[in-house]
């Protein structure tokens, strides 16, 4: 997580792909992928 925070703080996008969102409070935004489409449902 330290590396991801450093990248974000320097203005870079960080993409985390996971089936688990136990750490969702660490993210600025969560985008769900379902059937090949993105959404926020």
PDB file of N, CA and C in Angstrom:
ATOM      1  N   UNK A   1       0.807  -1.194   0.000  1.00  0.00           N
ATOM      2  CA  UNK A   1       0.000   0.000   0.000  1.00  0.00           C
ATOM      3  C   UNK A   1       0.853   1.261   0.000  1.00  0.00           C
ATOM      4  N   UNK A   2       2.028   1.178   0.577  1.00  0.00           N
ATOM      5  CA  UNK A   2       2.901   2.348   0.612  1.00  0.00           C
ATOM      6  C   UNK A   2       3.245   2.804  -0.800  1.00  0.00           C
ATOM      7  N   UNK A   3       3.610   1.881  -1.655  1.00  0.00           N
ATOM      8  CA  UNK A   3       3.950   2.223  -3.036  1.00  0.00           C
ATOM      9  C   UNK A   3       2.746   2.823  -3.764  1.00  0.00           C
ATOM     10  N   UNK A   4       1.578   2.245  -3.583  1.00  0.00           N
ATOM     11  CA  UNK A   4       0.374   2.772  -4.232  1.00  0.00           C
ATOM     12  C   UNK A   4       0.090   4.198  -3.774  1.00  0.00           C
ATOM     13  N   UNK A   5       0.257   4.469  -2.483  1.00  0.00           N
ATOM     14  CA  UNK A   5       0.030   5.821  -1.962  1.00  0.00           C
ATOM     15  C   UNK A   5       1.054   6.806  -2.524  1.00  0.00           C
ATOM     16  N   UNK A   6       2.285   6.372  -2.651  1.00  0.00           N
ATOM     17  CA  UNK A   6       3.317   7.251  -3.222  1.00  0.00           C
ATOM     18  C   UNK A   6       2.987   7.617  -4.659  1.00  0.00           C
ATOM     19  N   UNK A   7       2.578   6.632  -5.420  1.00  0.00           N
ATOM     20  CA  UNK A   7       2.232   6.878  -6.826  1.00  0.00           C
ATOM     21  C   UNK A   7       1.042   7.828  -6.918  1.00  0.00           C
ATOM     22  N   UNK A   8       0.030   7.586  -6.126  1.00  0.00           N
ATOM     23  CA  UNK A   8      -1.150   8.449  -6.146  1.00  0.00           C
ATOM     24  C   UNK A   8      -0.790   9.874  -5.754  1.00  0.00           C
ATOM     25  N   UNK A   9       0.002  10.010  -4.710  1.00  0.00           N
ATOM     26  CA  UNK A   9       0.387  11.335  -4.229  1.00  0.00           C
ATOM     27  C   UNK A   9       1.233  12.102  -5.242  1.00  0.00           C
ATOM     28  N   UNK A  10       1.905  11.376  -6.140  1.00  0.00           N
ATOM     29  CA  UNK A  10       2.705  12.045  -7.173  1.00  0.00           C
ATOM     30  C   UNK A  10       1.882  12.325  -8.434  1.00  0.00           C
ATOM     31  N   UNK A  11       0.564  12.060  -8.366  1.00  0.00           N
ATOM     32  CA  UNK A  11      -0.321  12.388  -9.478  1.00  0.00           C
ATOM     33  C   UNK A  11      -0.547  11.271 -10.468  1.00  0.00           C
ATOM     34  N   UNK A  12      -0.105  10.086 -10.147  1.00  0.00           N
ATOM     35  CA  UNK A  12      -0.287   8.958 -11.061  1.00  0.00           C
ATOM     36  C   UNK A  12      -1.533   8.169 -10.678  1.00  0.00           C
ATOM     37  N   UNK A  13      -2.122   7.553 -11.672  1.00  0.00           N
ATOM     38  CA  UNK A  13      -3.264   6.683 -11.419  1.00  0.00           C
ATOM     39  C   UNK A  13      -2.755   5.333 -10.941  1.00  0.00           C
ATOM     40  N   UNK A  14      -3.490   4.736 -10.036  1.00  0.00           N
ATOM     41  CA  UNK A  14      -3.140   3.414  -9.525  1.00  0.00           C
ATOM     42  C   UNK A  14      -4.353   2.517  -9.715  1.00  0.00           C
ATOM     43  N   UNK A  15      -4.154   1.400 -10.379  1.00  0.00           N
ATOM     44  CA  UNK A  15      -5.236   0.451 -10.618  1.00  0.00           C
ATOM     45  C   UNK A  15      -4.983  -0.798  -9.792  1.00  0.00           C
ATOM     46  N   UNK A  16      -5.927  -1.131  -8.934  1.00  0.00           N
ATOM     47  CA  UNK A  16      -5.858  -2.347  -8.131  1.00  0.00           C
ATOM     48  C   UNK A  16      -6.993  -3.242  -8.609  1.00  0.00           C
ATOM     49  N   UNK A  17      -6.689  -4.458  -9.003  1.00  0.00           N
ATOM     50  CA  UNK A  17      -7.705  -5.402  -9.449  1.00  0.00           C
ATOM     51  C   UNK A  17      -7.806  -6.500  -8.410  1.00  0.00           C
ATOM     52  N   UNK A  18      -9.015  -6.700  -7.891  1.00  0.00           N
ATOM     53  CA  UNK A  18      -9.192  -7.690  -6.838  1.00  0.00           C
ATOM     54  C   UNK A  18     -10.648  -8.123  -6.764  1.00  0.00           C
ATOM     55  N   UNK A  19     -10.855  -9.331  -6.295  1.00  0.00           N
ATOM     56  CA  UNK A  19     -12.207  -9.808  -6.012  1.00  0.00           C
ATOM     57  C   UNK A  19     -12.644  -9.377  -4.620  1.00  0.00           C
ATOM     58  N   UNK A  20     -11.720  -8.922  -3.824  1.00  0.00           N
ATOM     59  CA  UNK A  20     -11.991  -8.551  -2.441  1.00  0.00           C
ATOM     60  C   UNK A  20     -11.835  -7.048  -2.259  1.00  0.00           C
ATOM     61  N   UNK A  21     -12.777  -6.418  -1.596  1.00  0.00           N
ATOM     62  CA  UNK A  21     -12.677  -4.982  -1.337  1.00  0.00           C
ATOM     63  C   UNK A  21     -12.673  -4.712   0.164  1.00  0.00           C
ATOM     64  N   UNK A  22     -11.998  -5.566   0.894  1.00  0.00           N
ATOM     65  CA  UNK A  22     -11.908  -5.385   2.345  1.00  0.00           C
ATOM     66  C   UNK A  22     -11.212  -4.076   2.695  1.00  0.00           C
ATOM     67  N   UNK A  23     -10.341  -3.610   1.823  1.00  0.00           N
ATOM     68  CA  UNK A  23      -9.603  -2.367   2.054  1.00  0.00           C
ATOM     69  C   UNK A  23     -10.213  -1.200   1.287  1.00  0.00           C
ATOM     70  N   UNK A  24     -11.502  -1.260   1.025  1.00  0.00           N
ATOM     71  CA  UNK A  24     -12.135  -0.240   0.181  1.00  0.00           C
ATOM     72  C   UNK A  24     -11.998   1.180   0.717  1.00  0.00           C
ATOM     73  N   UNK A  25     -11.774   1.343   2.005  1.00  0.00           N
ATOM     74  CA  UNK A  25     -11.597   2.689   2.557  1.00  0.00           C
ATOM     75  C   UNK A  25     -10.286   3.328   2.094  1.00  0.00           C
ATOM     76  N   UNK A  26      -9.396   2.546   1.507  1.00  0.00           N
ATOM     77  CA  UNK A  26      -8.122   3.070   1.015  1.00  0.00           C
ATOM     78  C   UNK A  26      -8.252   3.705  -0.373  1.00  0.00           C
ATOM     79  N   UNK A  27      -9.358   3.442  -1.058  1.00  0.00           N
ATOM     80  CA  UNK A  27      -9.504   3.854  -2.450  1.00  0.00           C
ATOM     81  C   UNK A  27     -10.279   5.154  -2.582  1.00  0.00           C
ATOM     82  N   UNK A  28      -9.907   5.944  -3.590  1.00  0.00           N
ATOM     83  CA  UNK A  28     -10.656   7.158  -3.910  1.00  0.00           C
ATOM     84  C   UNK A  28     -11.946   6.816  -4.645  1.00  0.00           C
ATOM     85  N   UNK A  29     -11.884   5.754  -5.449  1.00  0.00           N
ATOM     86  CA  UNK A  29     -13.044   5.359  -6.246  1.00  0.00           C
ATOM     87  C   UNK A  29     -12.978   3.862  -6.504  1.00  0.00           C
ATOM     88  N   UNK A  30     -14.120   3.212  -6.529  1.00  0.00           N
ATOM     89  CA  UNK A  30     -14.204   1.788  -6.860  1.00  0.00           C
ATOM     90  C   UNK A  30     -15.086   1.653  -8.094  1.00  0.00           C
ATOM     91  N   UNK A  31     -14.572   0.963  -9.100  1.00  0.00           N
ATOM     92  CA  UNK A  31     -15.323   0.705 -10.323  1.00  0.00           C
ATOM     93  C   UNK A  31     -15.506  -0.797 -10.424  1.00  0.00           C
ATOM     94  N   UNK A  32     -16.737  -1.216 -10.597  1.00  0.00           N
ATOM     95  CA  UNK A  32     -17.049  -2.639 -10.702  1.00  0.00           C
ATOM     96  C   UNK A  32     -17.057  -3.053 -12.171  1.00  0.00           C
ATOM     97  N   UNK A  33     -16.609  -4.266 -12.418  1.00  0.00           N
ATOM     98  CA  UNK A  33     -16.628  -4.832 -13.761  1.00  0.00           C
ATOM     99  C   UNK A  33     -17.563  -6.033 -13.737  1.00  0.00           C
ATOM    100  N   UNK A  34     -18.599  -5.977 -14.565  1.00  0.00           N
ATOM    101  CA  UNK A  34     -19.559  -7.080 -14.635  1.00  0.00           C
ATOM    102  C   UNK A  34     -19.896  -7.331 -16.098  1.00  0.00           C
ATOM    103  N   UNK A  35     -19.747  -8.559 -16.523  1.00  0.00           N
ATOM    104  CA  UNK A  35     -20.036  -8.939 -17.908  1.00  0.00           C
ATOM    105  C   UNK A  35     -19.310  -8.052 -18.916  1.00  0.00           C
ATOM    106  N   UNK A  36     -18.069  -7.689 -18.589  1.00  0.00           N
ATOM    107  CA  UNK A  36     -17.261  -6.894 -19.494  1.00  0.00           C
ATOM    108  C   UNK A  36     -17.574  -5.410 -19.511  1.00  0.00           C
ATOM    109  N   UNK A  37     -18.440  -4.962 -18.603  1.00  0.00           N
ATOM    110  CA  UNK A  37     -18.815  -3.545 -18.544  1.00  0.00           C
ATOM    111  C   UNK A  37     -18.494  -2.975 -17.175  1.00  0.00           C
ATOM    112  N   UNK A  38     -18.142  -1.710 -17.161  1.00  0.00           N
ATOM    113  CA  UNK A  38     -17.858  -1.054 -15.890  1.00  0.00           C
ATOM    114  C   UNK A  38     -19.097  -0.321 -15.404  1.00  0.00           C
ATOM    115  N   UNK A  39     -19.206  -0.217 -14.088  1.00  0.00           N
ATOM    116  CA  UNK A  39     -20.338   0.484 -13.502  1.00  0.00           C
ATOM    117  C   UNK A  39     -20.130   0.673 -12.016  1.00  0.00           C
ATOM    118  N   UNK A  40     -21.060   1.329 -11.390  1.00  0.00           N
ATOM    119  CA  UNK A  40     -20.979   1.579  -9.955  1.00  0.00           C
ATOM    120  C   UNK A  40     -22.205   1.025  -9.238  1.00  0.00           C
ATOM    121  N   UNK A  41     -22.778  -0.040  -9.755  1.00  0.00           N
ATOM    122  CA  UNK A  41     -23.973  -0.629  -9.156  1.00  0.00           C
ATOM    123  C   UNK A  41     -23.674  -1.356  -7.884  1.00  0.00           C
TER     124      UNK A  41
END
